[in-house]
Amino acid sequence: MKALVPVFLRASGHGLWLTAIAIALVFGGSAPRCWSEPSGQSSEIPVLSSDPWQANELIKPEQLAKWLSATTGAKPLVICVTFPVLYPGGHIVGAKFAGPTAKPEGIQALKRAANGLSQDKQIVLYCGCCPWDKCPNIRAAFRAMQEWGFKDVKALHLPTNFQQDWIAKGFPIEKGEDQL
C-alpha cells in the first residue's frame, strides 16, 4: 500500500481518476457497470485452454451474416463440417460441405476441400450439430487447417446448435446438396 500512496499523491486531473480506478481494481474492485455489456452479459466467447483457437479466431453468427451480406470486400469460404444428414436441410448460403471431421475420412474430405486454396484465403468453419462445448467436429477441423498452414481461419461460434443459433435468428440459409 505504501508504494501506491506516492503514485496516488502525484496524480492529478485524469491521472488521479485513472489511478483511483487502478487501485480499486488491485484491491478487488471491478470496472464500473457502464463499461460492461448490456444486462451484465459479456460479448466475449469463452475460450478453453484446450481449444485450438484464440478469441480473435472465433466469429459470432451476427458478425458472419453481416460479412456475407456486405456488398463490398472479399467474402470468406464457408465450410460446413457437420454430419451429412444435417447439411441438405439447411446450411449457410454458399457454404461448401466437407462433412464431419471427428473421423479420419472427414479430415481427408476437408483436406480435399482445402487443396489448391491459398493459405491466406479467409475461411470460416462451422458445424452446429450440437452444443459448442461438445461438438466432435469443429476443433478437429480447426486444428487440421492450422496444421496445413492456413493463416486466416475462423470458427463460427454456435453455442447451442445451427438451428437455434443461425436459422431461428433469421440468418439466411439455403437447402440442398453441395458436396466438395
N, C-alpha and C. Protein backbone atom coordinates (compact mmCIF):
# COMPACT_ATOMS: atom_id res chain seq x y z
N MET A 1 0.83 -1.19 0.00
CA MET A 1 0.00 0.00 0.00
C MET A 1 0.87 1.26 0.00
N LYS A 2 2.02 1.24 0.74
CA LYS A 2 2.90 2.40 0.79
C LYS A 2 3.39 2.78 -0.60
N ALA A 3 3.64 1.80 -1.45
CA ALA A 3 4.13 2.08 -2.80
C ALA A 3 3.07 2.76 -3.65
N LEU A 4 1.82 2.51 -3.37
CA LEU A 4 0.74 3.11 -4.16
C LEU A 4 0.44 4.54 -3.74
N VAL A 5 0.67 4.87 -2.48
CA VAL A 5 0.33 6.20 -1.99
C VAL A 5 1.09 7.30 -2.74
N PRO A 6 2.43 7.20 -2.94
CA PRO A 6 3.12 8.27 -3.68
C PRO A 6 2.59 8.42 -5.11
N VAL A 7 2.25 7.34 -5.76
CA VAL A 7 1.70 7.41 -7.11
C VAL A 7 0.38 8.15 -7.08
N PHE A 8 -0.44 7.84 -6.09
CA PHE A 8 -1.76 8.45 -5.97
C PHE A 8 -1.62 9.94 -5.69
N LEU A 9 -0.67 10.31 -4.83
CA LEU A 9 -0.50 11.72 -4.47
C LEU A 9 0.06 12.54 -5.62
N ARG A 10 0.90 11.94 -6.48
CA ARG A 10 1.48 12.68 -7.62
C ARG A 10 0.48 12.85 -8.76
N ALA A 11 -0.55 12.02 -8.79
CA ALA A 11 -1.50 12.05 -9.90
C ALA A 11 -2.38 13.30 -9.81
N SER A 12 -2.77 13.81 -10.97
CA SER A 12 -3.66 14.97 -10.99
C SER A 12 -4.65 14.83 -12.14
N GLY A 13 -5.77 15.50 -12.03
CA GLY A 13 -6.76 15.50 -13.10
C GLY A 13 -7.20 14.11 -13.50
N HIS A 14 -7.06 13.80 -14.79
CA HIS A 14 -7.45 12.48 -15.31
C HIS A 14 -6.60 11.37 -14.71
N GLY A 15 -5.32 11.69 -14.47
CA GLY A 15 -4.42 10.71 -13.89
C GLY A 15 -4.90 10.27 -12.52
N LEU A 16 -5.45 11.19 -11.74
CA LEU A 16 -5.97 10.87 -10.40
C LEU A 16 -7.13 9.89 -10.52
N TRP A 17 -8.02 10.16 -11.44
CA TRP A 17 -9.18 9.30 -11.63
C TRP A 17 -8.75 7.91 -12.07
N LEU A 18 -7.84 7.84 -13.03
CA LEU A 18 -7.36 6.55 -13.51
C LEU A 18 -6.61 5.79 -12.43
N THR A 19 -5.84 6.52 -11.64
CA THR A 19 -5.11 5.89 -10.54
C THR A 19 -6.08 5.31 -9.52
N ALA A 20 -7.15 6.04 -9.22
CA ALA A 20 -8.15 5.56 -8.26
C ALA A 20 -8.80 4.27 -8.77
N ILE A 21 -9.11 4.22 -10.04
CA ILE A 21 -9.70 3.00 -10.62
C ILE A 21 -8.70 1.85 -10.55
N ALA A 22 -7.43 2.13 -10.88
CA ALA A 22 -6.40 1.08 -10.83
C ALA A 22 -6.27 0.53 -9.42
N ILE A 23 -6.28 1.42 -8.43
CA ILE A 23 -6.16 0.97 -7.04
C ILE A 23 -7.37 0.12 -6.65
N ALA A 24 -8.56 0.56 -7.05
CA ALA A 24 -9.78 -0.20 -6.73
C ALA A 24 -9.71 -1.59 -7.35
N LEU A 25 -9.24 -1.67 -8.58
CA LEU A 25 -9.14 -2.97 -9.24
C LEU A 25 -8.11 -3.87 -8.56
N VAL A 26 -6.99 -3.28 -8.15
CA VAL A 26 -5.95 -4.05 -7.47
C VAL A 26 -6.47 -4.64 -6.17
N PHE A 27 -7.32 -3.89 -5.48
CA PHE A 27 -7.82 -4.34 -4.19
C PHE A 27 -9.18 -5.02 -4.29
N GLY A 28 -9.47 -5.63 -5.42
CA GLY A 28 -10.65 -6.49 -5.55
C GLY A 28 -11.89 -5.82 -6.08
N GLY A 29 -11.78 -4.62 -6.54
CA GLY A 29 -12.95 -3.96 -7.10
C GLY A 29 -13.19 -4.45 -8.51
N SER A 30 -14.12 -3.84 -9.19
CA SER A 30 -14.38 -4.20 -10.58
C SER A 30 -14.60 -2.92 -11.36
N ALA A 31 -14.57 -3.05 -12.65
CA ALA A 31 -14.77 -1.89 -13.51
C ALA A 31 -16.20 -1.37 -13.33
N PRO A 32 -16.42 -0.08 -13.56
CA PRO A 32 -17.76 0.46 -13.44
C PRO A 32 -18.74 -0.29 -14.33
N ARG A 33 -19.98 -0.40 -13.88
CA ARG A 33 -21.00 -1.14 -14.60
C ARG A 33 -21.21 -0.59 -16.02
N CYS A 34 -21.02 0.71 -16.19
CA CYS A 34 -21.25 1.31 -17.51
C CYS A 34 -20.24 0.83 -18.53
N TRP A 35 -19.15 0.19 -18.11
CA TRP A 35 -18.15 -0.33 -19.03
C TRP A 35 -18.48 -1.72 -19.50
N SER A 36 -19.42 -2.38 -18.88
CA SER A 36 -19.72 -3.77 -19.24
C SER A 36 -20.79 -3.81 -20.31
N GLU A 37 -21.03 -5.00 -20.81
CA GLU A 37 -22.06 -5.21 -21.82
C GLU A 37 -23.44 -4.99 -21.21
N PRO A 38 -24.46 -4.70 -22.03
CA PRO A 38 -25.81 -4.55 -21.51
C PRO A 38 -26.24 -5.78 -20.72
N SER A 39 -27.00 -5.54 -19.69
CA SER A 39 -27.53 -6.61 -18.83
C SER A 39 -26.42 -7.42 -18.18
N GLY A 40 -25.22 -6.88 -18.12
CA GLY A 40 -24.12 -7.59 -17.48
C GLY A 40 -23.59 -8.77 -18.28
N GLN A 41 -24.04 -8.94 -19.54
CA GLN A 41 -23.59 -10.06 -20.36
C GLN A 41 -22.32 -9.67 -21.09
N SER A 42 -21.36 -10.56 -21.11
CA SER A 42 -20.10 -10.31 -21.79
C SER A 42 -20.23 -10.66 -23.26
N SER A 43 -19.54 -9.89 -24.10
CA SER A 43 -19.56 -10.19 -25.54
C SER A 43 -18.47 -11.20 -25.90
N GLU A 44 -17.65 -11.56 -24.93
CA GLU A 44 -16.57 -12.49 -25.18
C GLU A 44 -17.08 -13.92 -25.28
N ILE A 45 -16.52 -14.65 -26.20
CA ILE A 45 -16.82 -16.07 -26.34
C ILE A 45 -15.80 -16.81 -25.48
N PRO A 46 -16.24 -17.69 -24.61
CA PRO A 46 -15.28 -18.38 -23.75
C PRO A 46 -14.34 -19.26 -24.57
N VAL A 47 -13.05 -19.17 -24.26
CA VAL A 47 -12.03 -19.98 -24.91
C VAL A 47 -11.35 -20.82 -23.84
N LEU A 48 -11.39 -22.13 -24.01
CA LEU A 48 -10.75 -23.03 -23.06
C LEU A 48 -9.28 -23.20 -23.42
N SER A 49 -8.47 -23.55 -22.44
CA SER A 49 -7.04 -23.74 -22.72
C SER A 49 -6.80 -24.89 -23.69
N SER A 50 -7.75 -25.82 -23.79
CA SER A 50 -7.61 -26.95 -24.71
C SER A 50 -8.10 -26.63 -26.13
N ASP A 51 -8.73 -25.48 -26.31
CA ASP A 51 -9.23 -25.10 -27.64
C ASP A 51 -8.07 -24.75 -28.56
N PRO A 52 -8.18 -25.07 -29.85
CA PRO A 52 -7.08 -24.79 -30.79
C PRO A 52 -7.05 -23.34 -31.27
N TRP A 53 -8.03 -22.53 -30.91
CA TRP A 53 -8.12 -21.16 -31.40
C TRP A 53 -7.92 -20.16 -30.29
N GLN A 54 -7.68 -18.93 -30.73
CA GLN A 54 -7.65 -17.76 -29.85
C GLN A 54 -9.00 -17.06 -30.00
N ALA A 55 -9.33 -16.18 -29.09
CA ALA A 55 -10.61 -15.48 -29.13
C ALA A 55 -10.83 -14.75 -30.45
N ASN A 56 -9.77 -14.18 -31.04
CA ASN A 56 -9.92 -13.44 -32.29
C ASN A 56 -10.10 -14.35 -33.50
N GLU A 57 -10.05 -15.65 -33.30
CA GLU A 57 -10.27 -16.61 -34.39
C GLU A 57 -11.67 -17.19 -34.35
N LEU A 58 -12.52 -16.61 -33.52
CA LEU A 58 -13.92 -17.02 -33.42
C LEU A 58 -14.77 -15.90 -33.99
N ILE A 59 -15.90 -16.28 -34.56
CA ILE A 59 -16.81 -15.29 -35.13
C ILE A 59 -18.23 -15.65 -34.69
N LYS A 60 -18.99 -14.63 -34.36
CA LYS A 60 -20.39 -14.82 -33.93
C LYS A 60 -21.29 -14.87 -35.16
N PRO A 61 -22.45 -15.52 -35.03
CA PRO A 61 -23.36 -15.60 -36.17
C PRO A 61 -23.72 -14.24 -36.78
N GLU A 62 -24.02 -13.26 -35.95
CA GLU A 62 -24.39 -11.95 -36.48
C GLU A 62 -23.24 -11.30 -37.23
N GLN A 63 -22.01 -11.53 -36.79
CA GLN A 63 -20.85 -10.98 -37.49
C GLN A 63 -20.67 -11.65 -38.85
N LEU A 64 -20.82 -12.97 -38.90
CA LEU A 64 -20.67 -13.67 -40.17
C LEU A 64 -21.79 -13.29 -41.13
N ALA A 65 -23.02 -13.20 -40.65
CA ALA A 65 -24.14 -12.82 -41.51
C ALA A 65 -23.90 -11.44 -42.11
N LYS A 66 -23.40 -10.52 -41.31
CA LYS A 66 -23.11 -9.17 -41.81
C LYS A 66 -21.99 -9.21 -42.85
N TRP A 67 -20.95 -9.99 -42.58
CA TRP A 67 -19.82 -10.12 -43.50
C TRP A 67 -20.27 -10.69 -44.84
N LEU A 68 -21.09 -11.74 -44.78
CA LEU A 68 -21.54 -12.39 -46.02
C LEU A 68 -22.51 -11.53 -46.82
N SER A 69 -23.24 -10.65 -46.14
CA SER A 69 -24.21 -9.82 -46.84
C SER A 69 -23.64 -8.49 -47.31
N ALA A 70 -22.39 -8.19 -46.94
CA ALA A 70 -21.76 -6.94 -47.37
C ALA A 70 -21.65 -6.90 -48.89
N THR A 71 -21.87 -5.73 -49.44
CA THR A 71 -21.83 -5.59 -50.90
C THR A 71 -20.41 -5.36 -51.42
N THR A 72 -19.50 -5.06 -50.52
CA THR A 72 -18.11 -4.85 -50.94
C THR A 72 -17.19 -5.73 -50.10
N GLY A 73 -15.98 -5.92 -50.58
CA GLY A 73 -14.99 -6.69 -49.84
C GLY A 73 -15.04 -8.16 -50.17
N ALA A 74 -13.95 -8.82 -49.85
CA ALA A 74 -13.83 -10.26 -50.11
C ALA A 74 -14.70 -11.05 -49.14
N LYS A 75 -15.32 -12.07 -49.63
CA LYS A 75 -16.13 -12.97 -48.80
C LYS A 75 -15.28 -14.19 -48.43
N PRO A 76 -15.51 -14.71 -47.25
CA PRO A 76 -14.76 -15.91 -46.86
C PRO A 76 -15.34 -17.15 -47.54
N LEU A 77 -14.56 -18.19 -47.60
CA LEU A 77 -15.06 -19.50 -47.98
C LEU A 77 -15.63 -20.11 -46.70
N VAL A 78 -16.90 -20.46 -46.71
CA VAL A 78 -17.54 -21.06 -45.54
C VAL A 78 -17.61 -22.56 -45.78
N ILE A 79 -17.07 -23.32 -44.84
CA ILE A 79 -17.04 -24.77 -44.96
C ILE A 79 -17.80 -25.38 -43.79
N CYS A 80 -18.76 -26.23 -44.12
CA CYS A 80 -19.59 -26.91 -43.14
C CYS A 80 -18.98 -28.27 -42.82
N VAL A 81 -18.75 -28.52 -41.53
CA VAL A 81 -18.14 -29.79 -41.11
C VAL A 81 -19.10 -30.61 -40.24
N THR A 82 -20.38 -30.46 -40.50
CA THR A 82 -21.39 -31.19 -39.74
C THR A 82 -21.66 -32.55 -40.38
N PHE A 83 -22.60 -33.26 -39.82
CA PHE A 83 -22.96 -34.58 -40.33
C PHE A 83 -23.79 -34.46 -41.61
N PRO A 84 -23.62 -35.41 -42.53
CA PRO A 84 -24.28 -35.33 -43.84
C PRO A 84 -25.80 -35.19 -43.79
N VAL A 85 -26.44 -35.73 -42.80
CA VAL A 85 -27.90 -35.66 -42.71
C VAL A 85 -28.38 -34.24 -42.41
N LEU A 86 -27.55 -33.40 -41.82
CA LEU A 86 -27.96 -32.05 -41.45
C LEU A 86 -27.81 -31.03 -42.57
N TYR A 87 -26.80 -31.18 -43.41
CA TYR A 87 -26.48 -30.18 -44.43
C TYR A 87 -27.63 -29.92 -45.42
N PRO A 88 -28.24 -30.94 -46.04
CA PRO A 88 -29.27 -30.67 -47.05
C PRO A 88 -30.50 -29.95 -46.50
N GLY A 89 -30.78 -30.11 -45.21
CA GLY A 89 -31.96 -29.49 -44.61
C GLY A 89 -31.83 -28.00 -44.41
N GLY A 90 -30.64 -27.48 -44.47
CA GLY A 90 -30.41 -26.05 -44.33
C GLY A 90 -28.98 -25.78 -43.91
N HIS A 91 -28.34 -24.90 -44.65
CA HIS A 91 -26.96 -24.52 -44.34
C HIS A 91 -26.75 -23.06 -44.74
N ILE A 92 -25.65 -22.49 -44.31
CA ILE A 92 -25.33 -21.10 -44.63
C ILE A 92 -25.22 -20.96 -46.15
N VAL A 93 -25.81 -19.90 -46.66
CA VAL A 93 -25.81 -19.66 -48.10
C VAL A 93 -24.37 -19.64 -48.62
N GLY A 94 -24.13 -20.47 -49.63
CA GLY A 94 -22.82 -20.54 -50.25
C GLY A 94 -21.83 -21.47 -49.56
N ALA A 95 -22.22 -22.04 -48.42
CA ALA A 95 -21.30 -22.92 -47.68
C ALA A 95 -21.05 -24.20 -48.46
N LYS A 96 -19.82 -24.64 -48.40
CA LYS A 96 -19.43 -25.91 -49.01
C LYS A 96 -19.44 -26.99 -47.93
N PHE A 97 -19.84 -28.17 -48.31
CA PHE A 97 -19.93 -29.28 -47.36
C PHE A 97 -18.67 -30.15 -47.43
N ALA A 98 -18.02 -30.31 -46.27
CA ALA A 98 -16.85 -31.20 -46.19
C ALA A 98 -17.18 -32.43 -45.36
N GLY A 99 -18.15 -32.32 -44.48
CA GLY A 99 -18.53 -33.45 -43.64
C GLY A 99 -17.85 -33.44 -42.29
N PRO A 100 -18.26 -34.35 -41.44
CA PRO A 100 -17.76 -34.37 -40.07
C PRO A 100 -16.27 -34.71 -40.01
N THR A 101 -15.55 -33.96 -39.22
CA THR A 101 -14.10 -34.14 -39.13
C THR A 101 -13.66 -34.87 -37.87
N ALA A 102 -14.61 -35.47 -37.17
CA ALA A 102 -14.26 -36.23 -35.97
C ALA A 102 -13.57 -37.54 -36.32
N LYS A 103 -13.71 -37.96 -37.58
CA LYS A 103 -13.11 -39.22 -38.05
C LYS A 103 -12.11 -38.93 -39.17
N PRO A 104 -11.14 -39.82 -39.35
CA PRO A 104 -10.10 -39.59 -40.38
C PRO A 104 -10.66 -39.33 -41.78
N GLU A 105 -11.74 -40.01 -42.17
CA GLU A 105 -12.28 -39.78 -43.51
C GLU A 105 -12.84 -38.35 -43.65
N GLY A 106 -13.32 -37.79 -42.54
CA GLY A 106 -13.78 -36.40 -42.56
C GLY A 106 -12.63 -35.43 -42.72
N ILE A 107 -11.53 -35.72 -42.06
CA ILE A 107 -10.33 -34.88 -42.21
C ILE A 107 -9.84 -34.94 -43.65
N GLN A 108 -9.89 -36.12 -44.27
CA GLN A 108 -9.48 -36.26 -45.66
C GLN A 108 -10.39 -35.45 -46.59
N ALA A 109 -11.70 -35.44 -46.31
CA ALA A 109 -12.63 -34.65 -47.12
C ALA A 109 -12.33 -33.15 -46.98
N LEU A 110 -12.01 -32.72 -45.75
CA LEU A 110 -11.65 -31.33 -45.53
C LEU A 110 -10.35 -31.00 -46.27
N LYS A 111 -9.41 -31.93 -46.26
CA LYS A 111 -8.14 -31.72 -46.96
C LYS A 111 -8.38 -31.55 -48.46
N ARG A 112 -9.29 -32.35 -49.02
CA ARG A 112 -9.63 -32.20 -50.44
C ARG A 112 -10.24 -30.82 -50.69
N ALA A 113 -11.07 -30.36 -49.76
CA ALA A 113 -11.71 -29.05 -49.90
C ALA A 113 -10.67 -27.93 -49.86
N ALA A 114 -9.64 -28.12 -49.05
CA ALA A 114 -8.60 -27.10 -48.89
C ALA A 114 -7.53 -27.15 -49.98
N ASN A 115 -7.47 -28.27 -50.68
CA ASN A 115 -6.46 -28.46 -51.71
C ASN A 115 -6.58 -27.37 -52.78
N GLY A 116 -5.48 -26.71 -53.04
CA GLY A 116 -5.46 -25.69 -54.09
C GLY A 116 -5.82 -24.29 -53.60
N LEU A 117 -6.27 -24.15 -52.37
CA LEU A 117 -6.61 -22.83 -51.84
C LEU A 117 -5.34 -22.12 -51.37
N SER A 118 -5.33 -20.83 -51.50
CA SER A 118 -4.24 -20.03 -50.96
C SER A 118 -4.27 -20.15 -49.44
N GLN A 119 -3.10 -20.23 -48.82
CA GLN A 119 -3.06 -20.33 -47.36
C GLN A 119 -3.46 -19.02 -46.69
N ASP A 120 -3.64 -17.98 -47.48
CA ASP A 120 -4.12 -16.70 -46.97
C ASP A 120 -5.63 -16.53 -47.16
N LYS A 121 -6.28 -17.50 -47.76
CA LYS A 121 -7.73 -17.44 -48.01
C LYS A 121 -8.47 -17.31 -46.69
N GLN A 122 -9.45 -16.43 -46.66
CA GLN A 122 -10.30 -16.29 -45.47
C GLN A 122 -11.28 -17.46 -45.46
N ILE A 123 -11.25 -18.22 -44.38
CA ILE A 123 -12.08 -19.42 -44.27
C ILE A 123 -12.84 -19.38 -42.95
N VAL A 124 -14.11 -19.72 -43.00
CA VAL A 124 -14.92 -19.86 -41.78
C VAL A 124 -15.43 -21.28 -41.74
N LEU A 125 -15.13 -21.96 -40.65
CA LEU A 125 -15.60 -23.33 -40.43
C LEU A 125 -16.80 -23.31 -39.49
N TYR A 126 -17.78 -24.19 -39.74
CA TYR A 126 -18.86 -24.31 -38.78
C TYR A 126 -19.41 -25.73 -38.79
N CYS A 127 -19.99 -26.10 -37.65
CA CYS A 127 -20.64 -27.40 -37.53
C CYS A 127 -22.09 -27.20 -37.09
N GLY A 128 -22.31 -26.96 -35.80
CA GLY A 128 -23.66 -26.71 -35.32
C GLY A 128 -24.49 -27.94 -35.08
N CYS A 129 -23.85 -29.11 -35.01
CA CYS A 129 -24.60 -30.35 -34.79
C CYS A 129 -25.13 -30.46 -33.37
N CYS A 130 -24.45 -29.82 -32.44
CA CYS A 130 -24.78 -29.97 -31.03
C CYS A 130 -24.19 -28.78 -30.27
N PRO A 131 -24.33 -28.74 -28.96
CA PRO A 131 -23.72 -27.61 -28.24
C PRO A 131 -22.22 -27.49 -28.49
N TRP A 132 -21.78 -26.25 -28.61
CA TRP A 132 -20.40 -25.88 -28.92
C TRP A 132 -19.37 -26.66 -28.14
N ASP A 133 -19.55 -26.73 -26.83
CA ASP A 133 -18.53 -27.37 -25.99
C ASP A 133 -18.50 -28.89 -26.13
N LYS A 134 -19.47 -29.48 -26.83
CA LYS A 134 -19.50 -30.93 -27.02
C LYS A 134 -19.27 -31.34 -28.48
N CYS A 135 -19.10 -30.38 -29.36
CA CYS A 135 -19.01 -30.67 -30.79
C CYS A 135 -17.77 -31.52 -31.11
N PRO A 136 -17.98 -32.66 -31.78
CA PRO A 136 -16.84 -33.53 -32.12
C PRO A 136 -16.10 -33.10 -33.39
N ASN A 137 -16.62 -32.10 -34.09
CA ASN A 137 -16.07 -31.77 -35.42
C ASN A 137 -15.30 -30.45 -35.51
N ILE A 138 -15.76 -29.41 -34.86
CA ILE A 138 -15.21 -28.07 -35.09
C ILE A 138 -13.75 -27.96 -34.67
N ARG A 139 -13.38 -28.55 -33.55
CA ARG A 139 -11.99 -28.45 -33.08
C ARG A 139 -11.04 -29.24 -33.98
N ALA A 140 -11.47 -30.42 -34.39
CA ALA A 140 -10.64 -31.24 -35.28
C ALA A 140 -10.43 -30.53 -36.62
N ALA A 141 -11.48 -29.91 -37.15
CA ALA A 141 -11.36 -29.19 -38.42
C ALA A 141 -10.43 -28.00 -38.28
N PHE A 142 -10.58 -27.26 -37.21
CA PHE A 142 -9.75 -26.07 -37.00
C PHE A 142 -8.28 -26.46 -36.84
N ARG A 143 -8.02 -27.49 -36.05
CA ARG A 143 -6.64 -27.96 -35.86
C ARG A 143 -6.02 -28.37 -37.19
N ALA A 144 -6.79 -29.10 -37.99
CA ALA A 144 -6.28 -29.56 -39.28
C ALA A 144 -5.91 -28.38 -40.18
N MET A 145 -6.78 -27.39 -40.24
CA MET A 145 -6.49 -26.21 -41.08
C MET A 145 -5.23 -25.50 -40.60
N GLN A 146 -5.04 -25.43 -39.29
CA GLN A 146 -3.81 -24.83 -38.75
C GLN A 146 -2.59 -25.65 -39.16
N GLU A 147 -2.69 -26.96 -39.01
CA GLU A 147 -1.57 -27.84 -39.36
C GLU A 147 -1.19 -27.73 -40.83
N TRP A 148 -2.18 -27.46 -41.68
CA TRP A 148 -1.92 -27.35 -43.11
C TRP A 148 -1.43 -25.96 -43.50
N GLY A 149 -1.28 -25.08 -42.52
CA GLY A 149 -0.68 -23.78 -42.76
C GLY A 149 -1.63 -22.65 -43.12
N PHE A 150 -2.93 -22.85 -42.99
CA PHE A 150 -3.88 -21.78 -43.30
C PHE A 150 -3.79 -20.71 -42.21
N LYS A 151 -3.72 -19.45 -42.64
CA LYS A 151 -3.42 -18.35 -41.74
C LYS A 151 -4.64 -17.54 -41.32
N ASP A 152 -5.74 -17.65 -42.05
CA ASP A 152 -6.91 -16.80 -41.77
C ASP A 152 -8.16 -17.65 -41.64
N VAL A 153 -8.16 -18.50 -40.63
CA VAL A 153 -9.29 -19.40 -40.40
C VAL A 153 -10.03 -18.96 -39.14
N LYS A 154 -11.35 -18.94 -39.24
CA LYS A 154 -12.19 -18.63 -38.08
C LYS A 154 -13.17 -19.77 -37.88
N ALA A 155 -13.62 -19.92 -36.65
CA ALA A 155 -14.66 -20.89 -36.32
C ALA A 155 -15.91 -20.12 -35.95
N LEU A 156 -17.03 -20.50 -36.52
CA LEU A 156 -18.31 -19.87 -36.21
C LEU A 156 -18.80 -20.41 -34.88
N HIS A 157 -18.98 -19.51 -33.92
CA HIS A 157 -19.42 -19.91 -32.58
C HIS A 157 -20.94 -20.08 -32.56
N LEU A 158 -21.37 -21.32 -32.49
CA LEU A 158 -22.78 -21.67 -32.39
C LEU A 158 -22.97 -22.33 -31.02
N PRO A 159 -23.32 -21.56 -30.00
CA PRO A 159 -23.35 -22.09 -28.63
C PRO A 159 -24.28 -23.29 -28.43
N THR A 160 -25.44 -23.28 -29.07
CA THR A 160 -26.41 -24.36 -28.87
C THR A 160 -26.40 -25.33 -30.05
N ASN A 161 -26.72 -24.84 -31.23
CA ASN A 161 -26.68 -25.62 -32.46
C ASN A 161 -27.02 -24.70 -33.63
N PHE A 162 -26.88 -25.19 -34.84
CA PHE A 162 -27.13 -24.38 -36.03
C PHE A 162 -28.58 -23.92 -36.10
N GLN A 163 -29.50 -24.79 -35.78
CA GLN A 163 -30.93 -24.46 -35.83
C GLN A 163 -31.24 -23.25 -34.93
N GLN A 164 -30.84 -23.32 -33.69
CA GLN A 164 -31.18 -22.27 -32.74
C GLN A 164 -30.35 -21.00 -32.92
N ASP A 165 -29.07 -21.15 -33.23
CA ASP A 165 -28.17 -20.00 -33.25
C ASP A 165 -28.04 -19.33 -34.62
N TRP A 166 -28.55 -19.96 -35.67
CA TRP A 166 -28.49 -19.34 -37.00
C TRP A 166 -29.89 -19.28 -37.63
N ILE A 167 -30.50 -20.42 -37.83
CA ILE A 167 -31.79 -20.46 -38.53
C ILE A 167 -32.88 -19.72 -37.76
N ALA A 168 -33.04 -20.01 -36.47
CA ALA A 168 -34.10 -19.38 -35.67
C ALA A 168 -33.91 -17.87 -35.53
N LYS A 169 -32.71 -17.39 -35.74
CA LYS A 169 -32.45 -15.95 -35.66
C LYS A 169 -32.67 -15.26 -37.00
N GLY A 170 -33.08 -16.03 -38.00
CA GLY A 170 -33.43 -15.45 -39.28
C GLY A 170 -32.28 -15.17 -40.22
N PHE A 171 -31.10 -15.72 -39.93
CA PHE A 171 -29.98 -15.54 -40.85
C PHE A 171 -30.22 -16.40 -42.09
N PRO A 172 -29.73 -15.98 -43.25
CA PRO A 172 -30.06 -16.68 -44.50
C PRO A 172 -29.48 -18.10 -44.58
N ILE A 173 -30.32 -18.98 -45.13
CA ILE A 173 -29.92 -20.37 -45.38
C ILE A 173 -30.34 -20.77 -46.78
N GLU A 174 -29.78 -21.85 -47.23
CA GLU A 174 -30.25 -22.49 -48.46
C GLU A 174 -30.30 -23.97 -48.18
N LYS A 175 -31.08 -24.69 -48.96
CA LYS A 175 -31.22 -26.12 -48.77
C LYS A 175 -30.70 -26.85 -49.98
N GLY A 176 -30.33 -28.10 -49.78
CA GLY A 176 -29.89 -28.93 -50.88
C GLY A 176 -28.48 -29.46 -50.69
N GLU A 177 -28.10 -30.30 -51.62
CA GLU A 177 -26.78 -30.96 -51.58
C GLU A 177 -25.73 -30.05 -52.20
N ASP A 178 -24.53 -30.12 -51.68
CA ASP A 178 -23.39 -29.43 -52.28
C ASP A 178 -22.13 -30.06 -51.71
N GLN A 179 -21.71 -31.12 -52.28
CA GLN A 179 -20.51 -31.81 -51.81
C GLN A 179 -19.28 -31.17 -52.42
N LEU A 180 -18.23 -31.05 -51.64
CA LEU A 180 -16.97 -30.51 -52.17
C LEU A 180 -16.26 -31.57 -53.00
